[in-house]
Amino acid sequence: NEMQVRAQSSLLQGLLPRTELVADRMSSQSVANSLWSLATLGIAPNDSLLDRLAERAEKVSGNFIAQELSNVLWAFAKIQAKNKGRVLAEMSHRATIIAHTFTPQEIGNSMWAFATMHES
């Protein structure tokens, strides 16, 4: 198990710089998966990586489906992202457009995220 943890840590350390380099080419799904994974693992990305992913999320926000959008919001709240007002405004706008497609889980995750970010 310790060996597995070290291997995962090494892999992540290699992938994080690469993620920052390719962030501007990521699809909405890739952005959502990357942010969700970091938050799930309890890894707060450095400011530069978080800014790159947030910028890309803003640019591809029109492509987000409900699950991706709720995962991005959840991840931002979980990692306590600061100064992300612009991207959150885009996410809010997109959410109003696709609200009719949200599942109960996606609604709950999104509402929790907004409430959590509002508190901090």
Foldseek 3Di string as FASTA:
>chain_A
DVVVVVVVVVVVVVVQVVCLVCLLVDALVRLLVVLLVCLVVVHQRPPSNVVSSLVSCQVNVLVDALVSLLSNLLSCLSSVPPPSVNSVVSSVVSCVVRVVVDDPVSVVSNVVSVVSNVVD
